[in-house]
Protein backbone atom coordinates (compact mmCIF):
# COMPACT_ATOMS: atom_id res chain seq x y z
CA MET A 1 -8.62 -24.34 -17.62
CA GLY A 2 -8.21 -24.56 -13.86
CA VAL A 3 -10.72 -24.93 -11.09
CA GLY A 4 -11.34 -21.17 -10.95
CA GLY A 5 -12.74 -21.15 -14.47
CA GLY A 6 -10.51 -18.27 -15.48
CA GLN A 7 -8.29 -17.74 -18.47
CA PRO A 8 -6.57 -20.74 -20.06
CA GLY A 9 -3.15 -20.20 -18.53
CA PRO A 10 -1.03 -18.12 -16.19
CA VAL A 11 -0.81 -14.37 -16.77
CA ARG A 12 2.39 -12.42 -16.15
CA VAL A 13 2.34 -8.92 -14.73
CA ALA A 14 5.25 -6.47 -14.45
CA VAL A 15 5.29 -4.66 -11.10
CA ARG A 16 7.42 -1.98 -9.46
CA VAL A 17 7.63 -2.36 -5.68
CA ARG A 18 8.02 0.70 -3.46
CA PRO A 19 9.12 -0.58 -0.04
CA GLY A 20 8.90 1.53 3.11
CA ALA A 21 5.75 3.38 2.03
CA ALA A 22 3.47 5.06 4.54
CA ARG A 23 0.70 2.63 3.60
CA THR A 24 0.22 -0.40 1.40
CA ALA A 25 -1.43 0.45 -1.93
CA VAL A 26 -1.67 -1.05 -5.39
CA GLY A 27 -2.23 1.28 -8.30
CA GLY A 28 -0.69 3.55 -10.88
CA ARG A 29 1.92 3.07 -13.54
CA TYR A 30 5.68 3.22 -13.36
CA GLY A 31 7.49 4.77 -16.30
CA ASP A 32 5.84 4.97 -19.68
CA GLY A 33 4.96 1.28 -19.85
CA GLY A 34 2.29 -0.76 -18.18
CA THR A 35 4.28 -1.60 -15.05
CA LEU A 36 1.93 -1.69 -12.06
CA VAL A 37 3.07 0.06 -8.86
CA VAL A 38 2.80 -1.80 -5.54
CA ALA A 39 3.68 0.27 -2.46
CA VAL A 40 4.23 -1.65 0.78
CA THR A 41 5.08 -0.63 4.32
CA ALA A 42 7.60 -3.47 4.68
CA ARG A 43 11.28 -2.67 4.25
CA ALA A 44 13.41 -4.34 1.60
CA VAL A 45 15.07 -6.71 4.07
CA ASP A 46 15.16 -10.52 3.79
CA GLY A 47 12.40 -10.60 1.17
CA ALA A 48 9.84 -8.89 3.43
CA ALA A 49 8.91 -6.26 0.83
CA THR A 50 8.56 -8.88 -1.90
CA GLU A 51 6.26 -11.04 0.20
CA ALA A 52 4.21 -8.01 1.24
CA ALA A 53 3.92 -6.96 -2.42
CA LEU A 54 2.72 -10.41 -3.47
CA ARG A 55 0.08 -10.39 -0.71
CA ALA A 56 -1.04 -6.85 -1.60
CA LEU A 57 -1.26 -7.69 -5.29
CA ALA A 58 -3.29 -10.83 -4.61
CA ASP A 59 -5.69 -8.83 -2.43
CA ALA A 60 -6.02 -6.06 -5.02
CA LEU A 61 -6.71 -8.57 -7.79
CA GLY A 62 -9.17 -10.55 -5.70
CA VAL A 63 -7.24 -13.82 -5.89
CA ARG A 64 -5.67 -16.04 -3.26
CA ARG A 65 -2.06 -15.40 -2.27
CA ARG A 66 -1.01 -18.83 -3.53
CA ALA A 67 -2.24 -17.87 -7.03
CA VAL A 68 0.41 -15.11 -7.26
CA ARG A 69 4.03 -16.17 -7.59
CA LEU A 70 7.28 -14.39 -8.24
CA VAL A 71 8.87 -15.15 -11.62
CA THR A 72 11.81 -12.71 -11.66
CA GLY A 73 13.18 -9.89 -9.53
CA ALA A 74 13.58 -11.40 -6.06
CA THR A 75 16.14 -8.72 -5.09
CA SER A 76 14.96 -5.94 -7.41
CA ARG A 77 12.20 -3.35 -7.19
CA ASP A 78 11.18 -4.38 -10.69
CA LYS A 79 9.53 -7.79 -10.65
CA VAL A 80 7.52 -10.06 -12.87
CA VAL A 81 4.79 -12.01 -11.15
CA GLU A 82 2.53 -14.70 -12.49
CA VAL A 83 -1.13 -15.17 -11.65
CA VAL A 84 -2.03 -18.83 -12.02
CA ASP A 85 -5.62 -19.84 -12.75
CA PRO A 86 -6.58 -16.19 -13.26
CA PRO A 87 -10.18 -14.99 -13.20
CA VAL A 88 -11.76 -14.26 -16.58
CA ASP A 89 -11.71 -10.49 -15.99
CA LEU A 90 -8.09 -10.29 -14.79
CA ALA A 91 -7.05 -7.96 -17.63
CA GLU A 92 -9.78 -5.51 -16.67
CA ARG A 93 -8.80 -5.68 -12.99
CA ILE A 94 -5.17 -4.95 -13.83
CA ALA A 95 -6.12 -2.10 -16.17
CA ALA A 96 -8.28 -0.53 -13.46
CA LEU A 97 -5.39 -0.70 -10.98
CA ARG A 98 -2.96 0.84 -13.47
CA ASP A 99 -5.36 3.73 -14.06
CA ARG A 100 -5.61 4.65 -10.37
């Protein structure tokens, strides 16, 4: 277990990024799965939308930006991110965001 006292290991989360949104928001589901929607104002140019999505997700989950890292999907709207040293209630936080 890490310094944060969270779950025993990293947790992966599937996200769908919507670049060029009117405002940054994290919440809702994409498709019929559990993919979390992250809307960002940044355009999908030179990784700006990906970085904005990682910052927004970290803020929404209440973790530091450095705790959220991209696993797959650098040039795709569909991404898998990993939360390292997650808080104990991370699953509940993600579920609440998906249900928005």
